[in-house]
Amino acid sequence: MTLVAFWFIVLAVLWTGFFLLEGFDFGVGMLHGVVGRDEGGRQVAVRAISPVWDGNEVWLIVAVAVTFAAFPAWYATMLSGFYPIFLVVLVALILRGVSFEFRSHAAGERSRRFWDGALTGGSLVIPLGLGIVLGNLLGGVPIDPAHEFVGNVGDLFRPYAVASGVTIALVCLLHGAVFLALRTAGDVRLRALRLGATLGPVTAVVVLVFVAWTRIDSGRGVLLSVVELGAVLAAVAAAVLIRGGREGAAFAATSATMAAVVVSLFAELYPRVMVSSIGAANDLTVSGTAASPYALRVMTVVLVVLLPVILAYQGWTYHVFRSRLSRDDVPGAAPSPQPQAVGESAADTAVGHRGDPSRIQVEAVTWPSRPVARLVWWALAWGAAWLFARLMAAVAPADSGAGRSRTQPSGRR
């Protein structure tokens, strides 16, 4: 494997890590006003991601920086052609970031609602916009022989690109609902479980349609690859597990779904980095956009030194803030209302379930026991390693034939 292929894989891993970790942050941001019916409930949801959301965005910063350093020609064409989308995403990132702090210092209800809206809107716009960007890489945009984007804003919103953004945003929604069910207690957790049970089947169907569309659009037949099939199976598993109240295993399944969806895009894209809708001869490739071998070698040394530090820091952060949150952890929050079981009337809730204590047994579920938690995270780690191996397998055949001429699918719309 050449350094060029290696850095393409690194870039795919960075984008996957960003959506895997920041994806549930986006989902929580979109859902915090739904699972929290009052300020106390909304604070519980926001506090579930407060210690980690900014660290998760480091993956996006590194992904853009790696594109600039390892594939400067790709960076130039993509950033200049997609600047309207990147501008909107940048504004959403700023508003979403400051909303975490400003909502807690809001002087009145009207101001707090504004920043709640900024958090919700920003959490939706970012995955939707970045999903459209990734979809355009494979779906194709007008690029001339000089590798200049020659289209207009409308060319950035073709059906496949929009479908890519919607799919990633929807997976983020489910990912966030499952995360809230895993990290909270009381009425917030119960509403998150119900939302997850509703979103699960819809997400599974959308993922199936999207990966099938991706496979067909790449010109590689109609049969799904192993990664794409894994995305569908993981989405179905997540829908089944969250409906059964097994949020720990469901979170592993939504993580696998997100990872497989992003990996499938990069696997179908390689050895190209941007598809031209004008013709295959204008496609940008990894070899044609890569930096010098010396620059890639220096970057590899930096990666080997810094990546373990970043992983250790983030792993420690998640370990420290692993316990469930409830209204008791929010100063001044109203007590949690007694949850109402599915199919139960308000009168049943009012009497405190004295006749049937088992009906509130769902509230007794706590953070998964250590053996179960370890099993889930080991399964997630093995799944990530398997997806990484599949991406390398997809890269290797194309890399071995880099010196031979070939005809690439145009991916035109």
Protein backbone atom coordinates (compact mmCIF):
# COMPACT_ATOMS: atom_id res chain seq x y z
CA MET A 1 0.00 0.00 0.00
CA THR A 2 1.31 3.43 -0.95
CA LEU A 3 1.30 6.47 1.32
CA VAL A 4 -1.33 8.06 -0.91
CA ALA A 5 -3.73 5.15 -0.35
CA PHE A 6 -2.89 5.13 3.37
CA TRP A 7 -3.81 8.80 3.76
CA PHE A 8 -7.05 8.29 1.87
CA ILE A 9 -7.90 5.63 4.44
CA VAL A 10 -6.89 7.95 7.27
CA LEU A 11 -9.21 10.61 5.87
CA ALA A 12 -12.06 8.11 5.66
CA VAL A 13 -11.41 7.10 9.28
CA LEU A 14 -11.44 10.74 10.40
CA TRP A 15 -14.80 11.44 8.74
CA THR A 16 -16.16 8.21 10.16
CA GLY A 17 -14.92 9.09 13.65
CA PHE A 18 -16.47 12.55 13.40
CA PHE A 19 -19.93 11.30 12.46
CA LEU A 20 -19.68 8.38 14.89
CA LEU A 21 -18.88 10.59 17.90
CA GLU A 22 -20.44 13.91 16.98
CA GLY A 23 -23.44 12.16 15.44
CA PHE A 24 -25.11 11.49 18.77
CA ASP A 25 -24.31 15.06 19.82
CA PHE A 26 -26.23 16.29 16.79
CA GLY A 27 -29.08 13.93 17.60
CA VAL A 28 -29.29 15.12 21.20
CA GLY A 29 -29.21 18.73 20.02
CA MET A 30 -32.12 18.10 17.67
CA LEU A 31 -34.12 16.19 20.28
CA HIS A 32 -33.39 18.07 23.50
CA GLY A 33 -36.56 20.16 23.20
CA VAL A 34 -38.65 17.06 22.53
CA VAL A 35 -37.39 14.78 25.31
CA GLY A 36 -37.28 17.70 27.76
CA ARG A 37 -40.78 19.06 28.28
CA ASP A 38 -39.52 21.70 30.71
CA GLU A 39 -36.24 23.47 31.43
CA GLY A 40 -35.11 20.76 33.84
CA GLY A 41 -35.59 18.04 31.25
CA ARG A 42 -33.83 20.06 28.56
CA GLN A 43 -30.88 20.68 30.88
CA VAL A 44 -30.58 16.95 31.54
CA ALA A 45 -30.37 16.31 27.78
CA VAL A 46 -27.85 19.09 27.17
CA ARG A 47 -25.68 18.09 30.13
CA ALA A 48 -25.44 14.57 28.71
CA ILE A 49 -23.26 15.89 25.86
CA SER A 50 -21.74 19.02 27.42
CA PRO A 51 -18.44 17.36 28.46
CA VAL A 52 -17.76 15.78 25.05
CA TRP A 53 -19.30 17.74 22.17
CA ASP A 54 -16.40 20.15 21.65
CA GLY A 55 -13.83 17.36 21.77
CA ASN A 56 -15.80 15.42 19.18
CA GLU A 57 -15.61 18.33 16.74
CA VAL A 58 -11.82 17.99 16.74
CA TRP A 59 -12.30 15.12 14.28
CA LEU A 60 -13.88 17.49 11.75
CA ILE A 61 -11.07 20.03 12.13
CA VAL A 62 -8.44 17.34 11.65
CA ALA A 63 -10.29 15.90 8.64
CA VAL A 64 -10.28 19.29 6.88
CA ALA A 65 -6.64 19.90 7.84
CA VAL A 66 -5.60 16.47 6.52
CA THR A 67 -7.40 17.15 3.23
CA PHE A 68 -5.48 20.43 2.91
CA ALA A 69 -2.11 18.86 3.72
CA ALA A 70 -2.38 15.44 2.05
CA PHE A 71 -4.60 16.27 -0.95
CA PRO A 72 -4.22 20.01 -1.65
CA ALA A 73 -5.75 19.88 -5.15
CA TRP A 74 -8.81 18.07 -3.78
CA TYR A 75 -9.08 20.64 -0.98
CA ALA A 76 -8.92 23.53 -3.46
CA THR A 77 -11.63 22.17 -5.76
CA MET A 78 -13.93 20.99 -2.99
CA LEU A 79 -13.74 24.07 -0.77
CA SER A 80 -14.10 26.51 -3.67
CA GLY A 81 -16.94 24.60 -5.32
CA PHE A 82 -18.88 23.80 -2.15
CA TYR A 83 -18.28 27.10 -0.35
CA PRO A 84 -22.03 28.00 -0.07
CA ILE A 85 -22.65 24.78 1.88
CA PHE A 86 -19.49 25.12 3.95
CA LEU A 87 -20.42 28.72 4.79
CA VAL A 88 -23.85 27.67 6.08
CA VAL A 89 -22.28 24.79 8.03
CA LEU A 90 -19.71 27.16 9.55
CA VAL A 91 -22.42 29.57 10.73
CA ALA A 92 -24.36 26.61 12.18
CA LEU A 93 -21.24 25.40 13.99
CA ILE A 94 -20.73 28.84 15.55
CA LEU A 95 -24.36 29.29 16.62
CA ARG A 96 -24.56 25.75 17.97
CA GLY A 97 -21.32 26.16 19.90
CA VAL A 98 -22.26 29.40 21.63
CA SER A 99 -25.81 28.18 22.33
CA PHE A 100 -24.49 25.69 24.90
CA GLU A 101 -23.13 28.55 26.98
CA PHE A 102 -25.61 31.32 26.21
CA ARG A 103 -28.73 29.28 26.94
CA SER A 104 -27.55 28.72 30.52
CA HIS A 105 -27.05 32.47 31.01
CA ALA A 106 -30.24 33.59 29.29
CA ALA A 107 -31.98 36.39 31.19
CA GLY A 108 -35.50 35.33 30.28
CA GLU A 109 -37.62 32.63 28.70
CA ARG A 110 -37.63 34.31 25.30
CA SER A 111 -33.84 34.46 25.14
CA ARG A 112 -33.55 30.85 26.29
CA ARG A 113 -35.96 29.72 23.59
CA PHE A 114 -33.87 31.52 20.97
CA TRP A 115 -30.72 29.68 21.97
CA ASP A 116 -32.63 26.40 22.22
CA GLY A 117 -33.71 27.01 18.63
CA ALA A 118 -30.11 27.75 17.64
CA LEU A 119 -29.00 24.47 19.21
CA THR A 120 -31.75 22.51 17.46
CA GLY A 121 -31.29 24.19 14.09
CA GLY A 122 -27.50 24.01 14.15
CA SER A 123 -27.59 20.34 15.11
CA LEU A 124 -29.76 19.65 12.05
CA VAL A 125 -27.98 21.86 9.51
CA ILE A 126 -24.46 20.55 10.19
CA PRO A 127 -25.00 16.81 9.46
CA LEU A 128 -27.39 17.65 6.64
CA GLY A 129 -24.89 20.01 4.99
CA LEU A 130 -21.84 17.79 5.47
CA GLY A 131 -23.83 14.79 4.25
CA ILE A 132 -24.65 16.71 1.07
CA VAL A 133 -20.94 17.48 0.65
CA LEU A 134 -19.98 13.80 0.93
CA GLY A 135 -22.80 12.81 -1.39
CA ASN A 136 -21.57 15.27 -4.02
CA LEU A 137 -18.10 13.71 -3.97
CA LEU A 138 -19.51 10.45 -5.28
CA GLY A 139 -22.66 11.72 -6.99
CA GLY A 140 -20.75 14.10 -9.22
CA VAL A 141 -20.60 17.85 -9.83
CA PRO A 142 -19.52 19.81 -12.93
CA ILE A 143 -15.69 19.82 -12.99
CA ASP A 144 -13.77 20.90 -16.10
CA PRO A 145 -10.44 19.49 -17.38
CA ALA A 146 -8.58 22.09 -15.29
CA HIS A 147 -10.24 20.59 -12.18
CA GLU A 148 -12.28 23.72 -11.58
CA PHE A 149 -15.88 23.61 -10.39
CA VAL A 150 -17.97 25.13 -13.21
CA GLY A 151 -21.49 24.59 -11.85
CA ASN A 152 -23.84 26.71 -9.79
CA VAL A 153 -25.52 26.39 -6.42
CA GLY A 154 -28.27 24.21 -7.86
CA ASP A 155 -25.69 21.61 -8.92
CA LEU A 156 -24.83 21.07 -5.24
CA PHE A 157 -28.35 19.86 -4.42
CA ARG A 158 -28.86 16.99 -6.80
CA PRO A 159 -31.09 14.14 -5.61
CA TYR A 160 -28.35 11.74 -4.54
CA ALA A 161 -26.48 14.44 -2.57
CA VAL A 162 -29.66 15.49 -0.78
CA ALA A 163 -30.46 11.85 -0.02
CA SER A 164 -26.98 11.48 1.47
CA GLY A 165 -27.55 14.47 3.76
CA VAL A 166 -31.01 13.30 4.83
CA THR A 167 -29.74 9.77 5.56
CA ILE A 168 -26.85 10.95 7.72
CA ALA A 169 -29.09 13.43 9.58
CA LEU A 170 -31.68 10.72 10.23
CA VAL A 171 -29.05 8.29 11.53
CA CYS A 172 -27.82 11.10 13.81
CA LEU A 173 -31.37 11.48 15.15
CA LEU A 174 -31.60 7.79 16.02
CA HIS A 175 -28.03 7.80 17.36
CA GLY A 176 -28.91 10.71 19.65
CA ALA A 177 -32.15 9.16 20.89
CA VAL A 178 -30.34 5.94 21.82
CA PHE A 179 -27.54 7.89 23.50
CA LEU A 180 -30.05 9.80 25.62
CA ALA A 181 -31.71 6.54 26.62
CA LEU A 182 -28.29 5.25 27.64
CA ARG A 183 -27.12 8.33 29.52
CA THR A 184 -30.23 9.66 31.28
CA ALA A 185 -32.81 8.49 33.76
CA GLY A 186 -36.41 9.28 34.54
CA ASP A 187 -38.87 10.84 32.14
CA VAL A 188 -36.14 12.00 29.72
CA ARG A 189 -34.92 8.44 29.25
CA LEU A 190 -38.45 7.12 28.76
CA ARG A 191 -39.22 9.69 26.04
CA ALA A 192 -35.90 8.93 24.36
CA LEU A 193 -36.78 5.22 24.27
CA ARG A 194 -40.13 6.01 22.67
CA LEU A 195 -38.56 8.29 20.10
CA GLY A 196 -35.94 5.66 19.31
CA ALA A 197 -38.61 3.02 18.85
CA THR A 198 -40.37 5.33 16.37
CA LEU A 199 -37.26 6.44 14.50
CA GLY A 200 -35.68 2.97 14.27
CA PRO A 201 -37.81 1.39 11.50
CA VAL A 202 -37.84 4.61 9.46
CA THR A 203 -34.05 4.89 9.66
CA ALA A 204 -33.56 1.24 8.66
CA VAL A 205 -35.66 1.71 5.51
CA VAL A 206 -33.88 4.95 4.58
CA VAL A 207 -30.45 3.35 5.08
CA LEU A 208 -31.45 0.42 2.86
CA VAL A 209 -32.60 2.73 0.07
CA PHE A 210 -29.53 4.93 0.36
CA VAL A 211 -26.89 2.17 0.28
CA ALA A 212 -28.67 0.52 -2.67
CA TRP A 213 -28.68 3.88 -4.46
CA THR A 214 -24.99 4.33 -3.62
CA ARG A 215 -24.12 0.93 -5.06
CA ILE A 216 -26.05 1.47 -8.27
CA ASP A 217 -24.82 5.04 -8.71
CA SER A 218 -21.19 3.97 -8.39
CA GLY A 219 -21.65 1.72 -11.42
CA ARG A 220 -20.70 -1.47 -9.58
CA GLY A 221 -23.89 -3.48 -9.93
CA VAL A 222 -26.95 -3.92 -7.77
CA LEU A 223 -25.67 -6.38 -5.15
CA LEU A 224 -24.65 -4.65 -1.93
CA SER A 225 -21.07 -4.83 -0.73
CA VAL A 226 -20.32 -6.36 2.66
CA VAL A 227 -20.04 -2.91 4.25
CA GLU A 228 -23.34 -1.74 2.76
CA LEU A 229 -25.09 -4.92 3.85
CA GLY A 230 -23.61 -4.41 7.31
CA ALA A 231 -25.09 -0.91 7.43
CA VAL A 232 -28.57 -2.28 6.72
CA LEU A 233 -28.29 -5.12 9.23
CA ALA A 234 -26.96 -2.77 11.91
CA ALA A 235 -29.84 -0.34 11.33
CA VAL A 236 -32.37 -3.16 11.61
CA ALA A 237 -30.67 -4.44 14.77
CA ALA A 238 -30.77 -0.94 16.28
CA ALA A 239 -34.51 -0.67 15.59
CA VAL A 240 -35.18 -4.04 17.24
CA LEU A 241 -32.89 -3.48 20.23
CA ILE A 242 -34.17 -0.02 21.15
CA ARG A 243 -37.75 -1.25 20.94
CA GLY A 244 -36.79 -3.94 23.43
CA GLY A 245 -35.26 -1.38 25.80
CA ARG A 246 -31.69 -2.64 25.32
CA GLU A 247 -30.13 0.76 24.80
CA GLY A 248 -26.52 -0.36 25.35
CA ALA A 249 -26.57 -2.85 22.49
CA ALA A 250 -28.71 -0.46 20.43
CA PHE A 251 -26.05 2.24 20.79
CA ALA A 252 -23.42 -0.16 19.46
CA ALA A 253 -25.75 -0.91 16.53
CA THR A 254 -26.38 2.77 15.69
CA SER A 255 -22.62 3.38 15.91
CA ALA A 256 -22.03 0.54 13.44
CA THR A 257 -24.74 1.92 11.17
CA MET A 258 -23.18 5.37 11.07
CA ALA A 259 -19.69 4.00 10.52
CA ALA A 260 -20.81 1.66 7.73
CA VAL A 261 -22.75 4.38 5.89
CA VAL A 262 -19.74 6.73 5.84
CA VAL A 263 -17.24 3.97 5.00
CA SER A 264 -19.43 2.79 2.12
CA LEU A 265 -19.26 6.27 0.55
CA PHE A 266 -15.47 6.35 0.65
CA ALA A 267 -15.12 2.73 -0.44
CA GLU A 268 -17.25 3.34 -3.54
CA LEU A 269 -15.42 6.61 -4.23
CA TYR A 270 -11.84 5.24 -4.28
CA PRO A 271 -9.54 5.74 -6.23
CA ARG A 272 -11.39 8.94 -7.11
CA VAL A 273 -11.88 11.76 -4.63
CA MET A 274 -14.37 13.82 -6.64
CA VAL A 275 -16.50 12.63 -9.55
CA SER A 276 -17.12 14.98 -12.47
CA SER A 277 -20.59 14.90 -13.97
CA ILE A 278 -19.11 16.21 -17.23
CA GLY A 279 -17.01 13.13 -17.88
CA ALA A 280 -14.83 10.51 -16.24
CA ALA A 281 -11.71 12.09 -17.70
CA ASN A 282 -12.24 15.09 -15.41
CA ASP A 283 -12.52 13.06 -12.20
CA LEU A 284 -10.13 13.97 -9.41
CA THR A 285 -8.14 10.96 -8.18
CA VAL A 286 -6.02 10.28 -5.11
CA SER A 287 -2.82 10.08 -7.11
CA GLY A 288 -3.59 13.24 -9.08
CA THR A 289 -4.39 15.38 -6.02
CA ALA A 290 -1.90 14.05 -3.45
CA ALA A 291 0.91 16.05 -1.87
CA SER A 292 4.57 15.16 -2.34
CA PRO A 293 5.89 11.89 -0.86
CA TYR A 294 8.05 13.84 1.60
CA ALA A 295 5.03 15.75 2.95
CA LEU A 296 3.10 12.51 3.37
CA ARG A 297 6.00 10.90 5.25
CA VAL A 298 6.24 13.83 7.67
CA MET A 299 2.47 13.72 8.22
CA THR A 300 2.67 10.00 8.95
CA VAL A 301 5.18 10.62 11.74
CA VAL A 302 2.95 13.34 13.22
CA LEU A 303 -0.06 11.01 13.03
CA VAL A 304 1.73 8.19 14.82
CA VAL A 305 2.75 10.55 17.65
CA LEU A 306 -0.47 12.54 18.15
CA LEU A 307 -3.30 10.09 17.37
CA PRO A 308 -2.75 7.89 20.47
CA VAL A 309 -2.81 11.04 22.64
CA ILE A 310 -6.12 12.19 21.16
CA LEU A 311 -7.67 8.73 21.51
CA ALA A 312 -6.47 8.39 25.12
CA TYR A 313 -7.82 11.82 26.05
CA GLN A 314 -11.23 11.20 24.52
CA GLY A 315 -11.44 7.71 25.98
CA TRP A 316 -10.68 9.08 29.46
CA THR A 317 -13.32 11.80 29.01
CA TYR A 318 -16.01 9.27 28.18
CA HIS A 319 -14.90 7.11 31.11
CA VAL A 320 -15.13 9.96 33.60
CA PHE A 321 -18.57 11.12 32.42
CA ARG A 322 -20.07 7.65 31.95
CA SER A 323 -22.77 7.71 34.64
CA ARG A 324 -26.44 8.42 33.99
CA LEU A 325 -27.89 11.88 34.53
CA SER A 326 -31.23 12.74 36.07
CA ARG A 327 -33.07 15.82 37.26
CA ASP A 328 -31.39 15.37 40.63
CA ASP A 329 -28.11 16.38 38.95
CA VAL A 330 -29.58 19.71 37.76
CA PRO A 331 -29.69 22.40 40.50
CA GLY A 332 -33.17 23.83 40.92
CA ALA A 333 -34.82 21.42 38.48
CA ALA A 334 -38.37 20.29 39.17
CA PRO A 335 -38.74 16.68 40.36
CA SER A 336 -39.12 14.12 37.60
CA PRO A 337 -42.79 13.38 36.91
CA GLN A 338 -43.71 9.76 37.48
CA PRO A 339 -43.37 8.06 34.11
CA GLN A 340 -46.43 6.69 32.41
CA ALA A 341 -46.01 3.22 30.97
CA VAL A 342 -47.06 2.47 27.44
CA GLY A 343 -50.79 1.78 27.28
CA GLU A 344 -51.45 3.20 30.73
CA SER A 345 -53.95 5.90 31.59
CA ALA A 346 -53.20 9.08 33.52
CA ALA A 347 -55.37 7.79 36.37
CA ASP A 348 -53.14 4.74 36.71
CA THR A 349 -50.13 7.00 36.99
CA ALA A 350 -51.86 9.22 39.56
CA VAL A 351 -52.33 6.35 42.01
CA GLY A 352 -48.63 5.56 41.84
CA HIS A 353 -48.97 2.07 40.32
CA ARG A 354 -49.92 0.70 43.72
CA GLY A 355 -51.77 -2.18 42.14
CA ASP A 356 -48.98 -3.22 39.75
CA PRO A 357 -45.43 -2.18 40.66
CA SER A 358 -44.00 -4.11 37.71
CA ARG A 359 -45.44 -1.52 35.31
CA ILE A 360 -42.75 1.00 36.30
CA GLN A 361 -39.98 -1.54 36.17
CA VAL A 362 -38.55 0.24 33.13
CA GLU A 363 -37.44 3.04 35.43
CA ALA A 364 -35.35 0.64 37.50
CA VAL A 365 -33.00 0.00 34.57
CA THR A 366 -29.60 1.49 35.34
CA TRP A 367 -26.34 1.92 33.51
CA PRO A 368 -25.35 -1.47 32.02
CA SER A 369 -23.38 -3.73 34.29
CA ARG A 370 -19.65 -3.79 33.66
CA PRO A 371 -19.57 -7.18 31.85
CA VAL A 372 -22.38 -6.09 29.52
CA ALA A 373 -20.80 -2.68 28.89
CA ARG A 374 -17.45 -4.28 28.13
CA LEU A 375 -19.07 -6.75 25.76
CA VAL A 376 -20.84 -3.93 23.90
CA TRP A 377 -17.70 -1.83 23.54
CA TRP A 378 -15.59 -4.81 22.51
CA ALA A 379 -18.18 -5.61 19.85
CA LEU A 380 -18.07 -1.99 18.69
CA ALA A 381 -14.26 -2.05 18.56
CA TRP A 382 -14.24 -5.28 16.56
CA GLY A 383 -16.87 -3.86 14.24
CA ALA A 384 -14.75 -0.75 13.64
CA ALA A 385 -11.70 -2.92 12.95
CA TRP A 386 -13.73 -5.02 10.51
CA LEU A 387 -14.97 -1.93 8.67
CA PHE A 388 -11.39 -0.62 8.50
CA ALA A 389 -10.23 -3.94 7.04
CA ARG A 390 -13.00 -3.85 4.45
CA LEU A 391 -12.00 -0.34 3.40
CA MET A 392 -8.37 -1.44 3.02
CA ALA A 393 -9.53 -4.42 0.96
CA ALA A 394 -11.45 -2.06 -1.31
CA VAL A 395 -8.39 0.18 -1.67
CA ALA A 396 -5.83 -2.55 -2.34
CA PRO A 397 -7.14 -3.84 -5.73
CA ALA A 398 -7.40 -0.33 -7.16
CA ASP A 399 -4.00 0.63 -5.80
CA SER A 400 -2.32 -2.44 -7.36
CA GLY A 401 -3.53 -1.38 -10.76
CA ALA A 402 -2.68 2.30 -10.44
CA GLY A 403 -0.22 2.11 -13.33
CA ARG A 404 -2.72 0.60 -15.73
CA SER A 405 -5.32 2.57 -17.64
CA ARG A 406 -8.89 2.02 -16.68
CA THR A 407 -12.31 3.42 -17.36
CA GLN A 408 -14.05 4.97 -14.38
CA PRO A 409 -17.80 5.41 -14.12
CA SER A 410 -18.75 9.02 -14.65
CA GLY A 411 -21.38 9.15 -11.91
CA ARG A 412 -23.23 11.81 -13.91
CA ARG A 413 -26.78 12.79 -13.17
